[in-house]
């Protein structure tokens, strides 16, 4: 249920943020900021889908809930939302540089989530 809940929340906010970035912020962003923002949205949406699929697989008894759920959730928050913060703060003149190291940490958590899910699938 947790995986499905966050899958829906991440999917919903990815659509909203994607539209916001493509329309409301288009004139405010540089081309690099636009590309980065879209990367954050894309990865958020990918992990929304994997959380939904994993949640339904858990409900169906195909896999057990595991660390991968929390790794995907925390990784998505750190990866995508740090990118949003960097892009938005840069576009409005006060780039939050402290978020720079957060993005790769989020990426590492996403990789760990995929490895954890692979382990769960192989041992089921």
PDB file of N, CA and C in Angstrom:
ATOM      1  N   UNK A   1       0.823  -1.205   0.000  1.00  0.00           N
ATOM      2  CA  UNK A   1       0.000   0.000   0.000  1.00  0.00           C
ATOM      3  C   UNK A   1       0.863   1.264   0.000  1.00  0.00           C
ATOM      4  N   UNK A   2       1.986   1.242   0.748  1.00  0.00           N
ATOM      5  CA  UNK A   2       2.871   2.401   0.797  1.00  0.00           C
ATOM      6  C   UNK A   2       3.437   2.703  -0.590  1.00  0.00           C
ATOM      7  N   UNK A   3       3.860   1.664  -1.287  1.00  0.00           N
ATOM      8  CA  UNK A   3       4.418   1.848  -2.628  1.00  0.00           C
ATOM      9  C   UNK A   3       3.376   2.454  -3.565  1.00  0.00           C
ATOM     10  N   UNK A   4       2.156   1.963  -3.493  1.00  0.00           N
ATOM     11  CA  UNK A   4       1.092   2.488  -4.358  1.00  0.00           C
ATOM     12  C   UNK A   4       0.774   3.939  -4.012  1.00  0.00           C
ATOM     13  N   UNK A   5       0.721   4.249  -2.737  1.00  0.00           N
ATOM     14  CA  UNK A   5       0.426   5.611  -2.298  1.00  0.00           C
ATOM     15  C   UNK A   5       1.464   6.591  -2.837  1.00  0.00           C
ATOM     16  N   UNK A   6       2.742   6.267  -2.652  1.00  0.00           N
ATOM     17  CA  UNK A   6       3.783   7.161  -3.150  1.00  0.00           C
ATOM     18  C   UNK A   6       3.850   7.150  -4.670  1.00  0.00           C
ATOM     19  N   UNK A   7       3.531   6.030  -5.289  1.00  0.00           N
ATOM     20  CA  UNK A   7       3.472   5.995  -6.744  1.00  0.00           C
ATOM     21  C   UNK A   7       2.455   6.985  -7.278  1.00  0.00           C
ATOM     22  N   UNK A   8       1.296   7.018  -6.656  1.00  0.00           N
ATOM     23  CA  UNK A   8       0.248   7.957  -7.079  1.00  0.00           C
ATOM     24  C   UNK A   8       0.669   9.402  -6.789  1.00  0.00           C
ATOM     25  N   UNK A   9       1.210   9.643  -5.609  1.00  0.00           N
ATOM     26  CA  UNK A   9       1.639  11.010  -5.251  1.00  0.00           C
ATOM     27  C   UNK A   9       2.730  11.491  -6.201  1.00  0.00           C
ATOM     28  N   UNK A  10       3.724  10.638  -6.461  1.00  0.00           N
ATOM     29  CA  UNK A  10       4.806  11.024  -7.369  1.00  0.00           C
ATOM     30  C   UNK A  10       4.298  11.206  -8.799  1.00  0.00           C
ATOM     31  N   UNK A  11       3.388  10.354  -9.241  1.00  0.00           N
ATOM     32  CA  UNK A  11       2.829  10.495 -10.585  1.00  0.00           C
ATOM     33  C   UNK A  11       2.054  11.792 -10.728  1.00  0.00           C
ATOM     34  N   UNK A  12       1.205  12.083  -9.765  1.00  0.00           N
ATOM     35  CA  UNK A  12       0.410  13.305  -9.777  1.00  0.00           C
ATOM     36  C   UNK A  12       1.293  14.540  -9.793  1.00  0.00           C
ATOM     37  N   UNK A  13       2.274  14.577  -8.890  1.00  0.00           N
ATOM     38  CA  UNK A  13       3.120  15.766  -8.825  1.00  0.00           C
ATOM     39  C   UNK A  13       4.057  15.874 -10.033  1.00  0.00           C
ATOM     40  N   UNK A  14       4.426  14.740 -10.636  1.00  0.00           N
ATOM     41  CA  UNK A  14       5.254  14.785 -11.856  1.00  0.00           C
ATOM     42  C   UNK A  14       4.490  15.442 -12.997  1.00  0.00           C
ATOM     43  N   UNK A  15       3.223  15.111 -13.127  1.00  0.00           N
ATOM     44  CA  UNK A  15       2.410  15.732 -14.189  1.00  0.00           C
ATOM     45  C   UNK A  15       2.261  17.231 -13.932  1.00  0.00           C
ATOM     46  N   UNK A  16       1.973  17.594 -12.696  1.00  0.00           N
ATOM     47  CA  UNK A  16       1.801  19.007 -12.351  1.00  0.00           C
ATOM     48  C   UNK A  16       3.106  19.775 -12.559  1.00  0.00           C
ATOM     49  N   UNK A  17       4.210  19.237 -12.038  1.00  0.00           N
ATOM     50  CA  UNK A  17       5.496  19.923 -12.175  1.00  0.00           C
ATOM     51  C   UNK A  17       5.968  19.964 -13.621  1.00  0.00           C
ATOM     52  N   UNK A  18       5.699  18.897 -14.372  1.00  0.00           N
ATOM     53  CA  UNK A  18       6.065  18.882 -15.782  1.00  0.00           C
ATOM     54  C   UNK A  18       5.349  19.971 -16.558  1.00  0.00           C
ATOM     55  N   UNK A  19       4.061  20.116 -16.318  1.00  0.00           N
ATOM     56  CA  UNK A  19       3.289  21.162 -16.990  1.00  0.00           C
ATOM     57  C   UNK A  19       3.746  22.548 -16.537  1.00  0.00           C
ATOM     58  N   UNK A  20       3.992  22.687 -15.247  1.00  0.00           N
ATOM     59  CA  UNK A  20       4.442  23.963 -14.697  1.00  0.00           C
ATOM     60  C   UNK A  20       5.786  24.359 -15.309  1.00  0.00           C
ATOM     61  N   UNK A  21       6.709  23.398 -15.398  1.00  0.00           N
ATOM     62  CA  UNK A  21       8.020  23.670 -15.978  1.00  0.00           C
ATOM     63  C   UNK A  21       7.953  23.980 -17.458  1.00  0.00           C
ATOM     64  N   UNK A  22       7.072  23.281 -18.171  1.00  0.00           N
ATOM     65  CA  UNK A  22       6.980  23.471 -19.627  1.00  0.00           C
ATOM     66  C   UNK A  22       6.262  24.755 -20.012  1.00  0.00           C
ATOM     67  N   UNK A  23       5.394  25.243 -19.156  1.00  0.00           N
ATOM     68  CA  UNK A  23       4.591  26.410 -19.527  1.00  0.00           C
ATOM     69  C   UNK A  23       4.912  27.637 -18.673  1.00  0.00           C
ATOM     70  N   UNK A  24       4.666  27.554 -17.388  1.00  0.00           N
ATOM     71  CA  UNK A  24       4.814  28.730 -16.523  1.00  0.00           C
ATOM     72  C   UNK A  24       6.270  29.171 -16.364  1.00  0.00           C
ATOM     73  N   UNK A  25       7.204  28.218 -16.407  1.00  0.00           N
ATOM     74  CA  UNK A  25       8.603  28.568 -16.162  1.00  0.00           C
ATOM     75  C   UNK A  25       9.449  28.637 -17.427  1.00  0.00           C
ATOM     76  N   UNK A  26       8.847  28.367 -18.559  1.00  0.00           N
ATOM     77  CA  UNK A  26       9.608  28.290 -19.811  1.00  0.00           C
ATOM     78  C   UNK A  26      10.410  29.568 -20.084  1.00  0.00           C
ATOM     79  N   UNK A  27       9.833  30.704 -19.857  1.00  0.00           N
ATOM     80  CA  UNK A  27      10.522  31.969 -20.122  1.00  0.00           C
ATOM     81  C   UNK A  27      11.519  32.324 -19.021  1.00  0.00           C
ATOM     82  N   UNK A  28      11.364  31.723 -17.872  1.00  0.00           N
ATOM     83  CA  UNK A  28      12.233  32.015 -16.726  1.00  0.00           C
ATOM     84  C   UNK A  28      13.499  31.154 -16.749  1.00  0.00           C
ATOM     85  N   UNK A  29      13.398  29.924 -17.280  1.00  0.00           N
ATOM     86  CA  UNK A  29      14.499  28.978 -17.290  1.00  0.00           C
ATOM     87  C   UNK A  29      15.440  29.202 -18.464  1.00  0.00           C
ATOM     88  N   UNK A  30      16.726  28.940 -18.230  1.00  0.00           N
ATOM     89  CA  UNK A  30      17.666  28.819 -19.339  1.00  0.00           C
ATOM     90  C   UNK A  30      17.412  27.447 -19.982  1.00  0.00           C
ATOM     91  N   UNK A  31      18.036  27.200 -21.112  1.00  0.00           N
ATOM     92  CA  UNK A  31      17.867  25.900 -21.771  1.00  0.00           C
ATOM     93  C   UNK A  31      18.388  24.770 -20.880  1.00  0.00           C
ATOM     94  N   UNK A  32      19.520  24.990 -20.204  1.00  0.00           N
ATOM     95  CA  UNK A  32      20.072  23.976 -19.295  1.00  0.00           C
ATOM     96  C   UNK A  32      19.145  23.719 -18.117  1.00  0.00           C
ATOM     97  N   UNK A  33      18.574  24.773 -17.561  1.00  0.00           N
ATOM     98  CA  UNK A  33      17.638  24.609 -16.446  1.00  0.00           C
ATOM     99  C   UNK A  33      16.399  23.840 -16.894  1.00  0.00           C
ATOM    100  N   UNK A  34      15.908  24.160 -18.087  1.00  0.00           N
ATOM    101  CA  UNK A  34      14.739  23.462 -18.634  1.00  0.00           C
ATOM    102  C   UNK A  34      15.040  21.970 -18.789  1.00  0.00           C
ATOM    103  N   UNK A  35      16.203  21.655 -19.347  1.00  0.00           N
ATOM    104  CA  UNK A  35      16.596  20.253 -19.530  1.00  0.00           C
ATOM    105  C   UNK A  35      16.730  19.534 -18.186  1.00  0.00           C
ATOM    106  N   UNK A  36      17.353  20.189 -17.226  1.00  0.00           N
ATOM    107  CA  UNK A  36      17.523  19.589 -15.902  1.00  0.00           C
ATOM    108  C   UNK A  36      16.176  19.361 -15.224  1.00  0.00           C
ATOM    109  N   UNK A  37      15.313  20.351 -15.299  1.00  0.00           N
ATOM    110  CA  UNK A  37      13.987  20.236 -14.685  1.00  0.00           C
ATOM    111  C   UNK A  37      13.229  19.052 -15.301  1.00  0.00           C
ATOM    112  N   UNK A  38      13.305  18.935 -16.628  1.00  0.00           N
ATOM    113  CA  UNK A  38      12.641  17.824 -17.312  1.00  0.00           C
ATOM    114  C   UNK A  38      13.230  16.473 -16.893  1.00  0.00           C
ATOM    115  N   UNK A  39      14.541  16.427 -16.643  1.00  0.00           N
ATOM    116  CA  UNK A  39      15.162  15.195 -16.152  1.00  0.00           C
ATOM    117  C   UNK A  39      14.588  14.819 -14.786  1.00  0.00           C
ATOM    118  N   UNK A  40      14.448  15.798 -13.912  1.00  0.00           N
ATOM    119  CA  UNK A  40      13.852  15.537 -12.600  1.00  0.00           C
ATOM    120  C   UNK A  40      12.445  14.992 -12.721  1.00  0.00           C
ATOM    121  N   UNK A  41      11.645  15.588 -13.592  1.00  0.00           N
ATOM    122  CA  UNK A  41      10.265  15.139 -13.801  1.00  0.00           C
ATOM    123  C   UNK A  41      10.253  13.719 -14.374  1.00  0.00           C
ATOM    124  N   UNK A  42      11.107  13.474 -15.353  1.00  0.00           N
ATOM    125  CA  UNK A  42      11.152  12.161 -16.005  1.00  0.00           C
ATOM    126  C   UNK A  42      11.499  11.064 -14.991  1.00  0.00           C
ATOM    127  N   UNK A  43      12.546  11.286 -14.194  1.00  0.00           N
ATOM    128  CA  UNK A  43      12.937  10.281 -13.202  1.00  0.00           C
ATOM    129  C   UNK A  43      11.868  10.118 -12.125  1.00  0.00           C
ATOM    130  N   UNK A  44      11.220  11.185 -11.757  1.00  0.00           N
ATOM    131  CA  UNK A  44      10.132  11.085 -10.781  1.00  0.00           C
ATOM    132  C   UNK A  44       9.016  10.220 -11.349  1.00  0.00           C
ATOM    133  N   UNK A  45       8.689  10.433 -12.609  1.00  0.00           N
ATOM    134  CA  UNK A  45       7.609   9.663 -13.219  1.00  0.00           C
ATOM    135  C   UNK A  45       7.987   8.196 -13.378  1.00  0.00           C
ATOM    136  N   UNK A  46       9.231   7.918 -13.797  1.00  0.00           N
ATOM    137  CA  UNK A  46       9.675   6.524 -13.897  1.00  0.00           C
ATOM    138  C   UNK A  46       9.498   5.800 -12.563  1.00  0.00           C
ATOM    139  N   UNK A  47       9.890   6.479 -11.491  1.00  0.00           N
ATOM    140  CA  UNK A  47       9.828   5.823 -10.186  1.00  0.00           C
ATOM    141  C   UNK A  47       8.419   5.809  -9.607  1.00  0.00           C
ATOM    142  N   UNK A  48       7.565   6.701 -10.064  1.00  0.00           N
ATOM    143  CA  UNK A  48       6.139   6.597  -9.723  1.00  0.00           C
ATOM    144  C   UNK A  48       5.583   5.300 -10.306  1.00  0.00           C
ATOM    145  N   UNK A  49       5.935   5.034 -11.558  1.00  0.00           N
ATOM    146  CA  UNK A  49       5.445   3.817 -12.216  1.00  0.00           C
ATOM    147  C   UNK A  49       5.984   2.550 -11.554  1.00  0.00           C
ATOM    148  N   UNK A  50       7.280   2.538 -11.236  1.00  0.00           N
ATOM    149  CA  UNK A  50       7.837   1.331 -10.622  1.00  0.00           C
ATOM    150  C   UNK A  50       7.239   1.108  -9.233  1.00  0.00           C
ATOM    151  N   UNK A  51       6.974   2.187  -8.507  1.00  0.00           N
ATOM    152  CA  UNK A  51       6.327   2.031  -7.201  1.00  0.00           C
ATOM    153  C   UNK A  51       4.907   1.477  -7.337  1.00  0.00           C
ATOM    154  N   UNK A  52       4.176   1.948  -8.330  1.00  0.00           N
ATOM    155  CA  UNK A  52       2.827   1.414  -8.559  1.00  0.00           C
ATOM    156  C   UNK A  52       2.883  -0.069  -8.928  1.00  0.00           C
ATOM    157  N   UNK A  53       3.761  -0.413  -9.852  1.00  0.00           N
ATOM    158  CA  UNK A  53       3.873  -1.809 -10.278  1.00  0.00           C
ATOM    159  C   UNK A  53       4.301  -2.696  -9.110  1.00  0.00           C
ATOM    160  N   UNK A  54       5.305  -2.250  -8.365  1.00  0.00           N
ATOM    161  CA  UNK A  54       5.763  -3.028  -7.212  1.00  0.00           C
ATOM    162  C   UNK A  54       4.649  -3.157  -6.167  1.00  0.00           C
ATOM    163  N   UNK A  55       3.911  -2.085  -5.950  1.00  0.00           N
ATOM    164  CA  UNK A  55       2.806  -2.136  -4.982  1.00  0.00           C
ATOM    165  C   UNK A  55       1.744  -3.136  -5.391  1.00  0.00           C
ATOM    166  N   UNK A  56       1.392  -3.154  -6.666  1.00  0.00           N
ATOM    167  CA  UNK A  56       0.404  -4.129  -7.137  1.00  0.00           C
ATOM    168  C   UNK A  56       0.964  -5.545  -7.085  1.00  0.00           C
ATOM    169  N   UNK A  57       2.260  -5.710  -7.369  1.00  0.00           N
ATOM    170  CA  UNK A  57       2.886  -7.029  -7.264  1.00  0.00           C
ATOM    171  C   UNK A  57       2.894  -7.509  -5.817  1.00  0.00           C
ATOM    172  N   UNK A  58       3.092  -6.586  -4.885  1.00  0.00           N
ATOM    173  CA  UNK A  58       3.030  -6.942  -3.462  1.00  0.00           C
ATOM    174  C   UNK A  58       1.619  -7.393  -3.093  1.00  0.00           C
ATOM    175  N   UNK A  59       0.630  -6.621  -3.524  1.00  0.00           N
ATOM    176  CA  UNK A  59      -0.773  -6.941  -3.233  1.00  0.00           C
ATOM    177  C   UNK A  59      -1.157  -8.301  -3.799  1.00  0.00           C
ATOM    178  N   UNK A  60      -0.627  -8.632  -4.969  1.00  0.00           N
ATOM    179  CA  UNK A  60      -0.924  -9.913  -5.619  1.00  0.00           C
ATOM    180  C   UNK A  60      -0.112 -11.060  -5.025  1.00  0.00           C
ATOM    181  N   UNK A  61       0.789 -10.762  -4.103  1.00  0.00           N
ATOM    182  CA  UNK A  61       1.604 -11.805  -3.487  1.00  0.00           C
ATOM    183  C   UNK A  61       2.768 -12.273  -4.347  1.00  0.00           C
ATOM    184  N   UNK A  62       3.103 -11.505  -5.372  1.00  0.00           N
ATOM    185  CA  UNK A  62       4.194 -11.905  -6.272  1.00  0.00           C
ATOM    186  C   UNK A  62       5.571 -11.582  -5.690  1.00  0.00           C
ATOM    187  N   UNK A  63       5.653 -10.502  -4.940  1.00  0.00           N
ATOM    188  CA  UNK A  63       6.895 -10.123  -4.255  1.00  0.00           C
ATOM    189  C   UNK A  63       6.548  -9.618  -2.868  1.00  0.00           C
ATOM    190  N   UNK A  64       7.536  -9.629  -2.006  1.00  0.00           N
ATOM    191  CA  UNK A  64       7.353  -9.121  -0.648  1.00  0.00           C
ATOM    192  C   UNK A  64       7.714  -7.634  -0.602  1.00  0.00           C
ATOM    193  N   UNK A  65       7.059  -6.892   0.288  1.00  0.00           N
ATOM    194  CA  UNK A  65       7.519  -5.509   0.488  1.00  0.00           C
ATOM    195  C   UNK A  65       8.979  -5.549   0.934  1.00  0.00           C
ATOM    196  N   UNK A  66       9.741  -4.578   0.518  1.00  0.00           N
ATOM    197  CA  UNK A  66      11.154  -4.596   0.868  1.00  0.00           C
ATOM    198  C   UNK A  66      11.740  -3.208   0.955  1.00  0.00           C
ATOM    199  N   UNK A  67      13.041  -3.195   1.188  1.00  0.00           N
ATOM    200  CA  UNK A  67      13.777  -1.931   1.305  1.00  0.00           C
ATOM    201  C   UNK A  67      13.670  -1.114   0.031  1.00  0.00           C
ATOM    202  N   UNK A  68      13.472  -1.776  -1.098  1.00  0.00           N
ATOM    203  CA  UNK A  68      13.380  -1.063  -2.366  1.00  0.00           C
ATOM    204  C   UNK A  68      12.315   0.026  -2.332  1.00  0.00           C
ATOM    205  N   UNK A  69      11.227  -0.190  -1.622  1.00  0.00           N
ATOM    206  CA  UNK A  69      10.171   0.828  -1.561  1.00  0.00           C
ATOM    207  C   UNK A  69      10.720   2.120  -0.959  1.00  0.00           C
ATOM    208  N   UNK A  70      11.371   2.024   0.201  1.00  0.00           N
ATOM    209  CA  UNK A  70      11.904   3.215   0.856  1.00  0.00           C
ATOM    210  C   UNK A  70      13.076   3.800   0.082  1.00  0.00           C
ATOM    211  N   UNK A  71      13.856   2.945  -0.568  1.00  0.00           N
ATOM    212  CA  UNK A  71      14.963   3.453  -1.388  1.00  0.00           C
ATOM    213  C   UNK A  71      14.440   4.246  -2.577  1.00  0.00           C
ATOM    214  N   UNK A  72      13.392   3.749  -3.230  1.00  0.00           N
ATOM    215  CA  UNK A  72      12.803   4.488  -4.354  1.00  0.00           C
ATOM    216  C   UNK A  72      12.174   5.804  -3.884  1.00  0.00           C
ATOM    217  N   UNK A  73      11.486   5.763  -2.756  1.00  0.00           N
ATOM    218  CA  UNK A  73      10.837   6.979  -2.242  1.00  0.00           C
ATOM    219  C   UNK A  73      11.889   8.028  -1.875  1.00  0.00           C
ATOM    220  N   UNK A  74      12.845   7.649  -1.048  1.00  0.00           N
ATOM    221  CA  UNK A  74      13.855   8.624  -0.607  1.00  0.00           C
ATOM    222  C   UNK A  74      14.748   9.052  -1.766  1.00  0.00           C
ATOM    223  N   UNK A  75      15.092   8.130  -2.645  1.00  0.00           N
ATOM    224  CA  UNK A  75      15.909   8.475  -3.803  1.00  0.00           C
ATOM    225  C   UNK A  75      15.217   9.453  -4.724  1.00  0.00           C
ATOM    226  N   UNK A  76      13.931   9.250  -4.952  1.00  0.00           N
ATOM    227  CA  UNK A  76      13.168  10.157  -5.812  1.00  0.00           C
ATOM    228  C   UNK A  76      13.086  11.548  -5.191  1.00  0.00           C
ATOM    229  N   UNK A  77      12.810  11.601  -3.908  1.00  0.00           N
ATOM    230  CA  UNK A  77      12.729  12.904  -3.236  1.00  0.00           C
ATOM    231  C   UNK A  77      14.072  13.627  -3.338  1.00  0.00           C
ATOM    232  N   UNK A  78      15.156  12.935  -3.005  1.00  0.00           N
ATOM    233  CA  UNK A  78      16.460  13.595  -3.023  1.00  0.00           C
ATOM    234  C   UNK A  78      16.902  13.940  -4.445  1.00  0.00           C
ATOM    235  N   UNK A  79      16.718  13.031  -5.392  1.00  0.00           N
ATOM    236  CA  UNK A  79      17.171  13.270  -6.758  1.00  0.00           C
ATOM    237  C   UNK A  79      16.323  14.334  -7.441  1.00  0.00           C
ATOM    238  N   UNK A  80      15.049  14.063  -7.616  1.00  0.00           N
ATOM    239  CA  UNK A  80      14.198  14.962  -8.398  1.00  0.00           C
ATOM    240  C   UNK A  80      13.977  16.304  -7.711  1.00  0.00           C
ATOM    241  N   UNK A  81      13.697  16.269  -6.425  1.00  0.00           N
ATOM    242  CA  UNK A  81      13.363  17.525  -5.760  1.00  0.00           C
ATOM    243  C   UNK A  81      14.588  18.417  -5.552  1.00  0.00           C
ATOM    244  N   UNK A  82      15.788  17.825  -5.468  1.00  0.00           N
ATOM    245  CA  UNK A  82      16.980  18.673  -5.417  1.00  0.00           C
ATOM    246  C   UNK A  82      17.195  19.345  -6.767  1.00  0.00           C
ATOM    247  N   UNK A  83      16.899  18.636  -7.853  1.00  0.00           N
ATOM    248  CA  UNK A  83      16.994  19.257  -9.184  1.00  0.00           C
ATOM    249  C   UNK A  83      15.992  20.399  -9.304  1.00  0.00           C
ATOM    250  N   UNK A  84      14.773  20.180  -8.843  1.00  0.00           N
ATOM    251  CA  UNK A  84      13.774  21.255  -8.907  1.00  0.00           C
ATOM    252  C   UNK A  84      14.256  22.467  -8.116  1.00  0.00           C
ATOM    253  N   UNK A  85      14.793  22.212  -6.928  1.00  0.00           N
ATOM    254  CA  UNK A  85      15.289  23.314  -6.098  1.00  0.00           C
ATOM    255  C   UNK A  85      16.431  24.062  -6.749  1.00  0.00           C
ATOM    256  N   UNK A  86      17.356  23.320  -7.350  1.00  0.00           N
ATOM    257  CA  UNK A  86      18.479  23.969  -8.041  1.00  0.00           C
ATOM    258  C   UNK A  86      17.998  24.814  -9.214  1.00  0.00           C
ATOM    259  N   UNK A  87      17.089  24.268 -10.004  1.00  0.00           N
ATOM    260  CA  UNK A  87      16.584  24.996 -11.178  1.00  0.00           C
ATOM    261  C   UNK A  87      15.782  26.220 -10.776  1.00  0.00           C
ATOM    262  N   UNK A  88      14.873  26.048  -9.846  1.00  0.00           N
ATOM    263  CA  UNK A  88      14.021  27.172  -9.432  1.00  0.00           C
ATOM    264  C   UNK A  88      14.830  28.258  -8.738  1.00  0.00           C
ATOM    265  N   UNK A  89      15.718  27.860  -7.836  1.00  0.00           N
ATOM    266  CA  UNK A  89      16.509  28.874  -7.134  1.00  0.00           C
ATOM    267  C   UNK A  89      17.447  29.593  -8.104  1.00  0.00           C
ATOM    268  N   UNK A  90      18.000  28.866  -9.069  1.00  0.00           N
ATOM    269  CA  UNK A  90      18.854  29.498 -10.081  1.00  0.00           C
ATOM    270  C   UNK A  90      18.088  30.458 -10.968  1.00  0.00           C
ATOM    271  N   UNK A  91      16.874  30.073 -11.332  1.00  0.00           N
ATOM    272  CA  UNK A  91      16.052  30.917 -12.203  1.00  0.00           C
ATOM    273  C   UNK A  91      15.629  32.214 -11.513  1.00  0.00           C
ATOM    274  N   UNK A  92      15.546  32.167 -10.187  1.00  0.00           N
ATOM    275  CA  UNK A  92      15.107  33.349  -9.451  1.00  0.00           C
ATOM    276  C   UNK A  92      16.259  34.056  -8.738  1.00  0.00           C
ATOM    277  N   UNK A  93      17.506  33.718  -9.143  1.00  0.00           N
ATOM    278  CA  UNK A  93      18.664  34.507  -8.729  1.00  0.00           C
ATOM    279  C   UNK A  93      19.404  34.105  -7.473  1.00  0.00           C
ATOM    280  N   UNK A  94      18.976  33.104  -6.756  1.00  0.00           N
ATOM    281  CA  UNK A  94      19.679  32.706  -5.532  1.00  0.00           C
ATOM    282  C   UNK A  94      19.896  31.192  -5.531  1.00  0.00           C
ATOM    283  N   UNK A  95      20.772  30.709  -6.405  1.00  0.00           N
ATOM    284  CA  UNK A  95      20.971  29.270  -6.569  1.00  0.00           C
ATOM    285  C   UNK A  95      21.392  28.623  -5.252  1.00  0.00           C
ATOM    286  N   UNK A  96      20.650  27.613  -4.857  1.00  0.00           N
ATOM    287  CA  UNK A  96      20.909  26.882  -3.623  1.00  0.00           C
ATOM    288  C   UNK A  96      21.959  25.812  -3.891  1.00  0.00           C
ATOM    289  N   UNK A  97      23.210  26.198  -3.854  1.00  0.00           N
ATOM    290  CA  UNK A  97      24.310  25.300  -4.196  1.00  0.00           C
ATOM    291  C   UNK A  97      24.417  24.106  -3.252  1.00  0.00           C
ATOM    292  N   UNK A  98      23.922  24.237  -2.035  1.00  0.00           N
ATOM    293  CA  UNK A  98      23.987  23.124  -1.090  1.00  0.00           C
ATOM    294  C   UNK A  98      23.224  21.899  -1.598  1.00  0.00           C
ATOM    295  N   UNK A  99      22.304  22.108  -2.559  1.00  0.00           N
ATOM    296  CA  UNK A  99      21.550  20.977  -3.105  1.00  0.00           C
ATOM    297  C   UNK A  99      22.353  20.169  -4.124  1.00  0.00           C
ATOM    298  N   UNK A 100      23.446  20.738  -4.635  1.00  0.00           N
ATOM    299  CA  UNK A 100      24.252  20.052  -5.636  1.00  0.00           C
ATOM    300  C   UNK A 100      24.662  18.646  -5.250  1.00  0.00           C
ATOM    301  N   UNK A 101      25.213  18.424  -4.041  1.00  0.00           N
ATOM    302  CA  UNK A 101      25.610  17.077  -3.642  1.00  0.00           C
ATOM    303  C   UNK A 101      24.427  16.158  -3.314  1.00  0.00           C
ATOM    304  N   UNK A 102      23.256  16.720  -3.129  1.00  0.00           N
ATOM    305  CA  UNK A 102      22.082  15.910  -2.789  1.00  0.00           C
ATOM    306  C   UNK A 102      21.619  15.082  -3.995  1.00  0.00           C
ATOM    307  N   UNK A 103      21.733  15.641  -5.183  1.00  0.00           N
ATOM    308  CA  UNK A 103      21.253  14.969  -6.390  1.00  0.00           C
ATOM    309  C   UNK A 103      21.937  13.619  -6.606  1.00  0.00           C
ATOM    310  N   UNK A 104      23.275  13.536  -6.586  1.00  0.00           N
ATOM    311  CA  UNK A 104      23.892  12.221  -6.779  1.00  0.00           C
ATOM    312  C   UNK A 104      23.602  11.246  -5.640  1.00  0.00           C
ATOM    313  N   UNK A 105      23.415  11.756  -4.431  1.00  0.00           N
ATOM    314  CA  UNK A 105      23.026  10.872  -3.325  1.00  0.00           C
ATOM    315  C   UNK A 105      21.666  10.247  -3.622  1.00  0.00           C
ATOM    316  N   UNK A 106      20.743  11.050  -4.121  1.00  0.00           N
ATOM    317  CA  UNK A 106      19.438  10.522  -4.525  1.00  0.00           C
ATOM    318  C   UNK A 106      19.573   9.489  -5.621  1.00  0.00           C
ATOM    319  N   UNK A 107      20.457   9.750  -6.583  1.00  0.00           N
ATOM    320  CA  UNK A 107      20.702   8.789  -7.653  1.00  0.00           C
ATOM    321  C   UNK A 107      21.235   7.471  -7.124  1.00  0.00           C
ATOM    322  N   UNK A 108      22.141   7.540  -6.149  1.00  0.00           N
ATOM    323  CA  UNK A 108      22.665   6.310  -5.543  1.00  0.00           C
ATOM    324  C   UNK A 108      21.568   5.521  -4.835  1.00  0.00           C
ATOM    325  N   UNK A 109      20.665   6.220  -4.174  1.00  0.00           N
ATOM    326  CA  UNK A 109      19.547   5.538  -3.521  1.00  0.00           C
ATOM    327  C   UNK A 109      18.627   4.876  -4.544  1.00  0.00           C
ATOM    328  N   UNK A 110      18.437   5.518  -5.689  1.00  0.00           N
ATOM    329  CA  UNK A 110      17.621   4.912  -6.748  1.00  0.00           C
ATOM    330  C   UNK A 110      18.290   3.647  -7.280  1.00  0.00           C
ATOM    331  N   UNK A 111      19.599   3.701  -7.488  1.00  0.00           N
ATOM    332  CA  UNK A 111      20.327   2.509  -7.932  1.00  0.00           C
ATOM    333  C   UNK A 111      20.200   1.402  -6.887  1.00  0.00           C
ATOM    334  N   UNK A 112      20.355   1.767  -5.612  1.00  0.00           N
ATOM    335  CA  UNK A 112      20.213   0.782  -4.537  1.00  0.00           C
ATOM    336  C   UNK A 112      18.802   0.196  -4.520  1.00  0.00           C
ATOM    337  N   UNK A 113      17.805   1.016  -4.822  1.00  0.00           N
ATOM    338  CA  UNK A 113      16.429   0.520  -4.895  1.00  0.00           C
ATOM    339  C   UNK A 113      16.259  -0.520  -5.989  1.00  0.00           C
ATOM    340  N   UNK A 114      16.855  -0.251  -7.149  1.00  0.00           N
ATOM    341  CA  UNK A 114      16.768  -1.215  -8.248  1.00  0.00           C
ATOM    342  C   UNK A 114      17.495  -2.505  -7.892  1.00  0.00           C
ATOM    343  N   UNK A 115      18.647  -2.400  -7.240  1.00  0.00           N
ATOM    344  CA  UNK A 115      19.377  -3.611  -6.822  1.00  0.00           C
ATOM    345  C   UNK A 115      18.582  -4.388  -5.773  1.00  0.00           C
ATOM    346  N   UNK A 116      17.953  -3.671  -4.865  1.00  0.00           N
ATOM    347  CA  UNK A 116      17.130  -4.312  -3.844  1.00  0.00           C
ATOM    348  C   UNK A 116      15.925  -5.011  -4.473  1.00  0.00           C
ATOM    349  N   UNK A 117      15.297  -4.364  -5.444  1.00  0.00           N
ATOM    350  CA  UNK A 117      14.165  -4.984  -6.140  1.00  0.00           C
ATOM    351  C   UNK A 117      14.632  -6.213  -6.917  1.00  0.00           C
ATOM    352  N   UNK A 118      15.789  -6.120  -7.558  1.00  0.00           N
ATOM    353  CA  UNK A 118      16.341  -7.276  -8.283  1.00  0.00           C
ATOM    354  C   UNK A 118      16.563  -8.429  -7.320  1.00  0.00           C
ATOM    355  N   UNK A 119      17.132  -8.153  -6.165  1.00  0.00           N
ATOM    356  CA  UNK A 119      17.370  -9.185  -5.154  1.00  0.00           C
ATOM    357  C   UNK A 119      16.049  -9.828  -4.725  1.00  0.00           C
ATOM    358  N   UNK A 120      15.038  -9.000  -4.506  1.00  0.00           N
ATOM    359  CA  UNK A 120      13.723  -9.510  -4.098  1.00  0.00           C
ATOM    360  C   UNK A 120      13.138 -10.428  -5.166  1.00  0.00           C
ATOM    361  N   UNK A 121      13.250 -10.041  -6.408  1.00  0.00           N
ATOM    362  CA  UNK A 121      12.711 -10.839  -7.508  1.00  0.00           C
ATOM    363  C   UNK A 121      13.465 -12.160  -7.633  1.00  0.00           C
ATOM    364  N   UNK A 122      14.782 -12.112  -7.503  1.00  0.00           N
ATOM    365  CA  UNK A 122      15.598 -13.325  -7.647  1.00  0.00           C
ATOM    366  C   UNK A 122      15.402 -14.318  -6.508  1.00  0.00           C
ATOM    367  N   UNK A 123      15.017 -13.808  -5.334  1.00  0.00           N
ATOM    368  CA  UNK A 123      14.848 -14.702  -4.181  1.00  0.00           C
ATOM    369  C   UNK A 123      13.396 -15.121  -3.952  1.00  0.00           C
ATOM    370  N   UNK A 124      12.503 -14.648  -4.787  1.00  0.00           N
ATOM    371  CA  UNK A 124      11.090 -14.995  -4.621  1.00  0.00           C
ATOM    372  C   UNK A 124      10.768 -16.243  -5.406  1.00  0.00           C
TER     373      UNK A 124
END
